[in-house]
Amino acid sequence: MDAEWVITTLTDAMEALEEVIGELEADPQAIDELLPAVMPAIYAKLNYAWNSRQLGPAAIDQLDHDDLVAFPKDLPM
């Protein structure tokens, strides 16, 4: 597993989440419009971090984009 890659991809997801939180703190009334618009992208970033963890950056060239951002099939839940 490529720890540096995982940290990079999780940081990207964290920054997206922090941005949304900032927007909601600035305008709480926008939650009904903003949340449905941004949550799919945040989930895609988290899924991407998990789905690319083994291959690292090579996952971009080796896996289909839809598979990279899809909910993980191998995530124990």
C-alpha atoms as a PDB file:
ATOM      1  CA  MET A   1       0.000   0.000   0.000  1.00  0.00           C
ATOM      2  CA  ASP A   2       1.284   3.453  -0.906  1.00  0.00           C
ATOM      3  CA  ALA A   3       0.946   5.443   2.336  1.00  0.00           C
ATOM      4  CA  GLU A   4       2.005   8.723   0.752  1.00  0.00           C
ATOM      5  CA  TRP A   5      -0.642   8.300  -1.947  1.00  0.00           C
ATOM      6  CA  VAL A   6      -3.338   7.453   0.595  1.00  0.00           C
ATOM      7  CA  ILE A   7      -2.435  10.528   2.648  1.00  0.00           C
ATOM      8  CA  THR A   8      -2.541  12.698  -0.465  1.00  0.00           C
ATOM      9  CA  THR A   9      -5.948  11.414  -1.571  1.00  0.00           C
ATOM     10  CA  LEU A  10      -7.426  11.611   1.933  1.00  0.00           C
ATOM     11  CA  THR A  11      -6.097  15.154   2.270  1.00  0.00           C
ATOM     12  CA  ASP A  12      -7.900  16.038  -0.957  1.00  0.00           C
ATOM     13  CA  ALA A  13     -11.143  14.664   0.498  1.00  0.00           C
ATOM     14  CA  MET A  14     -10.548  16.507   3.776  1.00  0.00           C
ATOM     15  CA  GLU A  15      -9.966  19.809   1.988  1.00  0.00           C
ATOM     16  CA  ALA A  16     -13.183  19.385   0.016  1.00  0.00           C
ATOM     17  CA  LEU A  17     -15.068  18.685   3.235  1.00  0.00           C
ATOM     18  CA  GLU A  18     -13.482  21.662   4.984  1.00  0.00           C
ATOM     19  CA  GLU A  19     -14.512  23.882   2.079  1.00  0.00           C
ATOM     20  CA  VAL A  20     -18.127  22.719   2.342  1.00  0.00           C
ATOM     21  CA  ILE A  21     -18.125  23.249   6.098  1.00  0.00           C
ATOM     22  CA  GLY A  22     -16.817  26.774   5.572  1.00  0.00           C
ATOM     23  CA  GLU A  23     -19.508  27.499   3.004  1.00  0.00           C
ATOM     24  CA  LEU A  24     -22.216  26.169   5.321  1.00  0.00           C
ATOM     25  CA  GLU A  25     -20.896  28.141   8.279  1.00  0.00           C
ATOM     26  CA  ALA A  26     -21.005  31.288   6.124  1.00  0.00           C
ATOM     27  CA  ASP A  27     -24.510  30.542   4.861  1.00  0.00           C
ATOM     28  CA  PRO A  28     -26.362  27.895   6.898  1.00  0.00           C
ATOM     29  CA  GLN A  29     -29.532  28.562   4.917  1.00  0.00           C
ATOM     30  CA  ALA A  30     -27.842  27.121   1.818  1.00  0.00           C
ATOM     31  CA  ILE A  31     -27.668  23.612   3.280  1.00  0.00           C
ATOM     32  CA  ASP A  32     -30.667  22.275   1.339  1.00  0.00           C
ATOM     33  CA  GLU A  33     -29.089  23.248  -1.975  1.00  0.00           C
ATOM     34  CA  LEU A  34     -25.405  22.846  -1.157  1.00  0.00           C
ATOM     35  CA  LEU A  35     -25.291  19.489   0.593  1.00  0.00           C
ATOM     36  CA  PRO A  36     -26.880  17.400  -2.190  1.00  0.00           C
ATOM     37  CA  ALA A  37     -24.631  19.144  -4.718  1.00  0.00           C
ATOM     38  CA  VAL A  38     -21.321  18.514  -2.940  1.00  0.00           C
ATOM     39  CA  MET A  39     -21.704  15.236  -1.058  1.00  0.00           C
ATOM     40  CA  PRO A  40     -21.364  13.001  -4.138  1.00  0.00           C
ATOM     41  CA  ALA A  41     -17.996  14.607  -4.923  1.00  0.00           C
ATOM     42  CA  ILE A  42     -16.786  14.173  -1.338  1.00  0.00           C
ATOM     43  CA  TYR A  43     -17.837  10.521  -1.300  1.00  0.00           C
ATOM     44  CA  ALA A  44     -16.127  10.040  -4.680  1.00  0.00           C
ATOM     45  CA  LYS A  45     -12.892  11.419  -3.226  1.00  0.00           C
ATOM     46  CA  LEU A  46     -13.088   9.071  -0.240  1.00  0.00           C
ATOM     47  CA  ASN A  47     -13.908   6.132  -2.497  1.00  0.00           C
ATOM     48  CA  TYR A  48     -11.011   7.098  -4.754  1.00  0.00           C
ATOM     49  CA  ALA A  49      -8.633   7.075  -1.779  1.00  0.00           C
ATOM     50  CA  TRP A  50      -9.718   3.554  -0.879  1.00  0.00           C
ATOM     51  CA  ASN A  51      -9.945   2.152  -4.396  1.00  0.00           C
ATOM     52  CA  SER A  52      -6.519   3.447  -5.429  1.00  0.00           C
ATOM     53  CA  ARG A  53      -4.693   2.618  -2.182  1.00  0.00           C
ATOM     54  CA  GLN A  54      -2.919  -0.462  -3.558  1.00  0.00           C
ATOM     55  CA  LEU A  55      -1.834   0.913  -6.931  1.00  0.00           C
ATOM     56  CA  GLY A  56      -1.182   4.513  -5.912  1.00  0.00           C
ATOM     57  CA  PRO A  57      -0.961   6.963  -8.809  1.00  0.00           C
ATOM     58  CA  ALA A  58      -0.862   4.073 -11.305  1.00  0.00           C
ATOM     59  CA  ALA A  59      -4.527   3.426 -10.518  1.00  0.00           C
ATOM     60  CA  ILE A  60      -5.428   6.361 -12.757  1.00  0.00           C
ATOM     61  CA  ASP A  61      -4.117   4.492 -15.801  1.00  0.00           C
ATOM     62  CA  GLN A  62      -5.074   0.978 -14.728  1.00  0.00           C
ATOM     63  CA  LEU A  63      -8.622   1.334 -13.418  1.00  0.00           C
ATOM     64  CA  ASP A  64     -11.757   2.713 -15.008  1.00  0.00           C
ATOM     65  CA  HIS A  65     -12.760   6.104 -13.595  1.00  0.00           C
ATOM     66  CA  ASP A  66     -16.155   4.781 -12.525  1.00  0.00           C
ATOM     67  CA  ASP A  67     -14.446   1.980 -10.601  1.00  0.00           C
ATOM     68  CA  LEU A  68     -12.096   4.449  -8.919  1.00  0.00           C
ATOM     69  CA  VAL A  69     -14.900   6.599  -7.524  1.00  0.00           C
ATOM     70  CA  ALA A  70     -17.474   3.860  -6.897  1.00  0.00           C
ATOM     71  CA  PHE A  71     -18.323   2.731  -3.389  1.00  0.00           C
ATOM     72  CA  PRO A  72     -15.700   0.136  -2.474  1.00  0.00           C
ATOM     73  CA  LYS A  73     -16.759  -3.459  -2.976  1.00  0.00           C
ATOM     74  CA  ASP A  74     -14.091  -4.715  -0.576  1.00  0.00           C
ATOM     75  CA  LEU A  75     -14.654  -2.279   2.289  1.00  0.00           C
ATOM     76  CA  PRO A  76     -15.827  -4.213   5.341  1.00  0.00           C
ATOM     77  CA  MET A  77     -18.966  -2.548   6.642  1.00  0.00           C
END
